[in-house]
C-alpha atoms as a PDB file:
ATOM      1  CA  MET A   1     -11.223  14.665 -21.169  1.00  0.00           C
ATOM      2  CA  ILE A   2     -13.340  16.289 -18.859  1.00  0.00           C
ATOM      3  CA  LEU A   3     -13.933  15.830 -15.211  1.00  0.00           C
ATOM      4  CA  VAL A   4     -15.851  17.226 -12.301  1.00  0.00           C
ATOM      5  CA  LYS A   5     -15.989  17.586  -8.525  1.00  0.00           C
ATOM      6  CA  THR A   6     -17.923  14.477  -7.284  1.00  0.00           C
ATOM      7  CA  GLU A   7     -20.290  14.704  -3.991  1.00  0.00           C
ATOM      8  CA  THR A   8     -17.482  12.788  -2.214  1.00  0.00           C
ATOM      9  CA  GLY A   9     -14.600  14.362  -3.310  1.00  0.00           C
ATOM     10  CA  GLN A  10     -16.728  17.609  -2.318  1.00  0.00           C
ATOM     11  CA  GLN A  11     -16.857  16.046   0.778  1.00  0.00           C
ATOM     12  CA  VAL A  12     -13.572  14.893   1.207  1.00  0.00           C
ATOM     13  CA  PHE A  13     -11.950  18.512   0.530  1.00  0.00           C
ATOM     14  CA  LYS A  14     -13.302  19.914   2.877  1.00  0.00           C
ATOM     15  CA  ASP A  15     -13.282  17.393   5.987  1.00  0.00           C
ATOM     16  CA  ARG A  16      -9.480  16.465   4.748  1.00  0.00           C
ATOM     17  CA  SER A  17     -10.288  12.542   5.059  1.00  0.00           C
ATOM     18  CA  ILE A  18      -7.911  11.841   2.206  1.00  0.00           C
ATOM     19  CA  ARG A  19      -4.918  13.072   2.626  1.00  0.00           C
ATOM     20  CA  LEU A  20      -3.918  15.145  -0.867  1.00  0.00           C
ATOM     21  CA  THR A  21      -1.014  16.860  -1.444  1.00  0.00           C
ATOM     22  CA  PRO A  22      -1.063  20.553  -1.913  1.00  0.00           C
ATOM     23  CA  ARG A  23      -0.546  20.040  -5.672  1.00  0.00           C
ATOM     24  CA  GLN A  24      -3.326  17.635  -5.990  1.00  0.00           C
ATOM     25  CA  ARG A  25      -5.766  19.932  -3.968  1.00  0.00           C
ATOM     26  CA  SER A  26      -5.191  22.977  -5.912  1.00  0.00           C
ATOM     27  CA  ALA A  27      -5.717  20.715  -9.307  1.00  0.00           C
ATOM     28  CA  PHE A  28      -9.079  19.215  -7.350  1.00  0.00           C
ATOM     29  CA  ILE A  29     -10.285  22.607  -7.594  1.00  0.00           C
ATOM     30  CA  LEU A  30      -9.906  23.603 -10.985  1.00  0.00           C
ATOM     31  CA  PHE A  31     -11.542  20.280 -12.054  1.00  0.00           C
ATOM     32  CA  ASP A  32     -15.101  22.687 -12.771  1.00  0.00           C
ATOM     33  CA  GLY A  33     -16.851  20.700 -15.962  1.00  0.00           C
ATOM     34  CA  ARG A  34     -15.080  23.044 -18.339  1.00  0.00           C
ATOM     35  CA  ARG A  35     -11.196  22.321 -18.610  1.00  0.00           C
ATOM     36  CA  SER A  36      -9.695  19.475 -20.058  1.00  0.00           C
ATOM     37  CA  VAL A  37      -7.647  17.547 -17.894  1.00  0.00           C
ATOM     38  CA  GLY A  38      -4.446  18.809 -20.249  1.00  0.00           C
ATOM     39  CA  ASP A  39      -5.264  21.746 -19.526  1.00  0.00           C
ATOM     40  CA  ILE A  40      -5.496  21.229 -15.713  1.00  0.00           C
ATOM     41  CA  LEU A  41      -2.178  19.194 -15.935  1.00  0.00           C
ATOM     42  CA  THR A  42      -0.925  22.256 -17.930  1.00  0.00           C
ATOM     43  CA  ALA A  43      -1.837  25.171 -15.666  1.00  0.00           C
ATOM     44  CA  CYS A  44      -0.663  23.151 -12.240  1.00  0.00           C
ATOM     45  CA  GLU A  45       3.069  22.694 -12.520  1.00  0.00           C
ATOM     46  CA  GLY A  46       3.943  19.066 -10.302  1.00  0.00           C
ATOM     47  CA  VAL A  47       0.886  17.559 -10.875  1.00  0.00           C
ATOM     48  CA  THR A  48       1.117  14.434 -13.183  1.00  0.00           C
ATOM     49  CA  ALA A  49      -1.832  12.294 -14.631  1.00  0.00           C
ATOM     50  CA  GLN A  50      -1.142   9.416 -11.909  1.00  0.00           C
ATOM     51  CA  ASP A  51      -2.133  12.163 -10.097  1.00  0.00           C
ATOM     52  CA  VAL A  52      -5.580  12.784 -11.715  1.00  0.00           C
ATOM     53  CA  ASP A  53      -5.902   8.604 -11.999  1.00  0.00           C
ATOM     54  CA  GLN A  54      -5.618   8.647  -8.376  1.00  0.00           C
ATOM     55  CA  MET A  55      -7.983  10.978  -7.334  1.00  0.00           C
ATOM     56  CA  ILE A  56     -10.704   9.121 -10.082  1.00  0.00           C
ATOM     57  CA  GLU A  57      -9.758   5.829  -8.438  1.00  0.00           C
ATOM     58  CA  LEU A  58     -10.690   7.186  -4.817  1.00  0.00           C
ATOM     59  CA  GLY A  59     -13.291   8.923  -6.809  1.00  0.00           C
ATOM     60  CA  LEU A  60     -13.128  12.175  -5.878  1.00  0.00           C
ATOM     61  CA  LEU A  61     -13.330  13.370  -9.989  1.00  0.00           C
ATOM     62  CA  GLY A  62     -15.924  12.064 -12.487  1.00  0.00           C
ATOM     63  CA  GLN A  63     -16.354  12.150 -16.155  1.00  0.00           C
ATOM     64  CA  THR A  64     -18.927  15.255 -17.189  1.00  0.00           C
ATOM     65  CA  GLY A  65     -21.618  12.832 -18.411  1.00  0.00           C
ATOM     66  CA  GLN A  66     -22.239  11.592 -14.402  1.00  0.00           C
ATOM     67  CA  THR A  67     -24.396  13.638 -12.468  1.00  0.00           C
ATOM     68  CA  THR A  68     -22.680  14.408  -8.444  1.00  0.00           C
ATOM     69  CA  GLY A  69     -25.247  12.018  -7.413  1.00  0.00           C
ATOM     70  CA  GLN A  70     -24.320   9.212  -9.686  1.00  0.00           C
ATOM     71  CA  ALA A  71     -20.848   9.574  -8.390  1.00  0.00           C
ATOM     72  CA  VAL A  72     -21.127   9.360  -5.104  1.00  0.00           C
ATOM     73  CA  PRO A  73     -22.873   5.465  -4.819  1.00  0.00           C
ATOM     74  CA  SER A  74     -19.727   4.580  -7.196  1.00  0.00           C
ATOM     75  CA  ALA A  75     -16.811   5.989  -4.916  1.00  0.00           C
ATOM     76  CA  PRO A  76     -16.492   3.007  -2.457  1.00  0.00           C
ATOM     77  CA  GLN A  77     -16.623   0.930  -5.844  1.00  0.00           C
ATOM     78  CA  SER A  78     -13.845   2.826  -7.516  1.00  0.00           C
ATOM     79  CA  VAL A  79     -11.415   1.690  -4.783  1.00  0.00           C
ATOM     80  CA  ALA A  80     -12.903  -1.301  -5.642  1.00  0.00           C
ATOM     81  CA  VAL A  81     -12.091  -1.094  -9.548  1.00  0.00           C
ATOM     82  CA  ALA A  82      -8.407   0.184  -9.176  1.00  0.00           C
ATOM     83  CA  ALA A  83      -7.899  -3.070  -6.775  1.00  0.00           C
ATOM     84  CA  PRO A  84      -7.400  -5.741  -9.703  1.00  0.00           C
ATOM     85  CA  ALA A  85      -4.940  -3.434 -11.058  1.00  0.00           C
ATOM     86  CA  LEU A  86      -3.417  -3.680  -7.787  1.00  0.00           C
ATOM     87  CA  GLU A  87      -3.711  -7.283  -7.463  1.00  0.00           C
ATOM     88  CA  VAL A  88      -1.888  -7.727 -10.373  1.00  0.00           C
ATOM     89  CA  GLY A  89       0.948  -5.237  -9.460  1.00  0.00           C
ATOM     90  CA  ALA A  90       0.960  -7.341  -5.971  1.00  0.00           C
ATOM     91  CA  SER A  91       2.034 -10.873  -7.788  1.00  0.00           C
ATOM     92  CA  ASP A  92       4.716  -8.482  -9.256  1.00  0.00           C
ATOM     93  CA  ALA A  93       7.773  -9.102  -7.063  1.00  0.00           C
ATOM     94  CA  GLY A  94       9.119  -5.730  -8.645  1.00  0.00           C
ATOM     95  CA  ARG A  95       7.267  -2.948  -7.002  1.00  0.00           C
ATOM     96  CA  SER A  96       8.962  -1.662  -4.612  1.00  0.00           C
ATOM     97  CA  LEU A  97       8.269  -0.987  -0.689  1.00  0.00           C
ATOM     98  CA  GLN A  98       7.866   2.731  -1.181  1.00  0.00           C
ATOM     99  CA  GLN A  99       5.584   2.237  -4.583  1.00  0.00           C
ATOM    100  CA  ARG A 100       2.636  -0.044  -2.285  1.00  0.00           C
ATOM    101  CA  TYR A 101       3.258   2.393   0.641  1.00  0.00           C
ATOM    102  CA  LYS A 102       2.328   4.831  -2.353  1.00  0.00           C
ATOM    103  CA  ASP A 103      -0.234   2.755  -3.052  1.00  0.00           C
ATOM    104  CA  ALA A 104      -1.815   1.628   0.228  1.00  0.00           C
ATOM    105  CA  TYR A 105      -1.806   4.646   1.890  1.00  0.00           C
ATOM    106  CA  PRO A 106      -4.894   6.455  -0.110  1.00  0.00           C
ATOM    107  CA  VAL A 107      -7.184   2.959   0.538  1.00  0.00           C
ATOM    108  CA  ALA A 108      -5.914   3.265   4.115  1.00  0.00           C
ATOM    109  CA  THR A 109      -6.591   6.958   4.884  1.00  0.00           C
ATOM    110  CA  GLN A 110     -10.021   6.218   3.179  1.00  0.00           C
ATOM    111  CA  LEU A 111     -10.834   3.097   4.815  1.00  0.00           C
ATOM    112  CA  THR A 112      -9.890   4.512   8.455  1.00  0.00           C
ATOM    113  CA  GLY A 113     -11.790   7.936   7.670  1.00  0.00           C
ATOM    114  CA  SER A 114     -15.033   6.446   6.711  1.00  0.00           C
ATOM    115  CA  LEU A 115     -14.991   4.956  10.034  1.00  0.00           C
ATOM    116  CA  GLY A 116     -16.192   8.638  11.623  1.00  0.00           C
ATOM    117  CA  LEU A 117     -15.475   9.269  14.437  1.00  0.00           C
ATOM    118  CA  ARG A 118     -15.351   5.562  15.340  1.00  0.00           C
ATOM    119  CA  GLY A 119     -11.831   5.860  13.655  1.00  0.00           C
ATOM    120  CA  PHE A 120     -10.300   9.087  14.199  1.00  0.00           C
ATOM    121  CA  ARG A 121      -7.457   7.513  16.350  1.00  0.00           C
ATOM    122  CA  LEU A 122      -6.689   5.176  13.803  1.00  0.00           C
ATOM    123  CA  ASN A 123      -7.329   7.604  11.056  1.00  0.00           C
ATOM    124  CA  LEU A 124      -4.438   9.993  13.112  1.00  0.00           C
ATOM    125  CA  ALA A 125      -2.316   6.884  12.902  1.00  0.00           C
ATOM    126  CA  VAL A 126      -2.281   5.877   9.495  1.00  0.00           C
ATOM    127  CA  GLU A 127      -1.507   9.772   8.697  1.00  0.00           C
ATOM    128  CA  GLY A 128       1.071   9.697  10.493  1.00  0.00           C
ATOM    129  CA  THR A 129       2.897   6.810   8.515  1.00  0.00           C
ATOM    130  CA  SER A 130       5.881   7.368   6.721  1.00  0.00           C
ATOM    131  CA  SER A 131       7.127   4.476   5.403  1.00  0.00           C
ATOM    132  CA  TYR A 132       5.689   0.902   3.726  1.00  0.00           C
ATOM    133  CA  GLU A 133       6.678  -0.461   7.178  1.00  0.00           C
ATOM    134  CA  ASP A 134       4.603   1.691   9.542  1.00  0.00           C
ATOM    135  CA  LEU A 135       1.627   1.181   7.304  1.00  0.00           C
ATOM    136  CA  LEU A 136       1.935  -2.606   7.246  1.00  0.00           C
ATOM    137  CA  ALA A 137       1.692  -2.676  11.196  1.00  0.00           C
ATOM    138  CA  LEU A 138      -1.247  -0.315  11.226  1.00  0.00           C
ATOM    139  CA  ALA A 139      -3.126  -3.185   9.184  1.00  0.00           C
ATOM    140  CA  PRO A 140      -4.279  -5.334  11.184  1.00  0.00           C
ATOM    141  CA  LYS A 141      -6.222  -3.155  13.288  1.00  0.00           C
ATOM    142  CA  ILE A 142      -7.858  -1.451  10.497  1.00  0.00           C
ATOM    143  CA  ARG A 143      -8.400  -4.774   8.921  1.00  0.00           C
ATOM    144  CA  ALA A 144     -10.544  -5.358  12.868  1.00  0.00           C
ATOM    145  CA  SER A 145     -11.959  -1.808  12.659  1.00  0.00           C
ATOM    146  CA  VAL A 146     -13.398  -1.973   8.634  1.00  0.00           C
ATOM    147  CA  GLY A 147     -13.887  -5.906   8.429  1.00  0.00           C
ATOM    148  CA  PRO A 148     -12.254  -8.143   6.297  1.00  0.00           C
ATOM    149  CA  GLU A 149     -14.016  -7.540   2.918  1.00  0.00           C
ATOM    150  CA  LYS A 150     -12.744  -4.021   2.608  1.00  0.00           C
ATOM    151  CA  ALA A 151      -9.852  -4.559   4.218  1.00  0.00           C
ATOM    152  CA  ALA A 152      -8.975  -6.657   1.021  1.00  0.00           C
ATOM    153  CA  VAL A 153      -8.209  -3.414  -0.959  1.00  0.00           C
ATOM    154  CA  LEU A 154      -5.080  -2.442   1.272  1.00  0.00           C
ATOM    155  CA  ASP A 155      -3.983  -6.121   1.670  1.00  0.00           C
ATOM    156  CA  ARG A 156      -3.679  -5.890  -2.259  1.00  0.00           C
ATOM    157  CA  ALA A 157      -1.885  -2.349  -2.521  1.00  0.00           C
ATOM    158  CA  LEU A 158       0.356  -3.732   0.606  1.00  0.00           C
ATOM    159  CA  GLY A 159       0.856  -7.047  -1.061  1.00  0.00           C
ATOM    160  CA  ILE A 160      -0.021  -8.810   1.542  1.00  0.00           C
END
């Protein structure tokens, strides 16, 4: 499969509103519409298919058949598309707190990043979290800021 950066992805890369690992950022740069995912995974040591899937779910990458203009409106939906998978996982008691944190962190940063200047401090607080408990403590503030509908994705990722 060949993927390209979406307009949302390019903006996120510039403003760092969603925290990507240095390896994910390196891989993101290589998605130019000419290289396959396999080629990029081979070129970027330490980057996994899960990293690429996460960037797709967040709307940062799209298939080459999509124009970047089409990818932008679907970016919020891509997180919503990830929600059913998280919902299934949320009912599974086997998901560790670390996995819940790993699932919820990108959602929380995207939600707080979308608030702009109004959510700057909240976004910094999310980026300062290092555990499930820290993120869980911020969930009510995020819910109050973005509304219950948007926060539902975060709730599912956290398993609450």
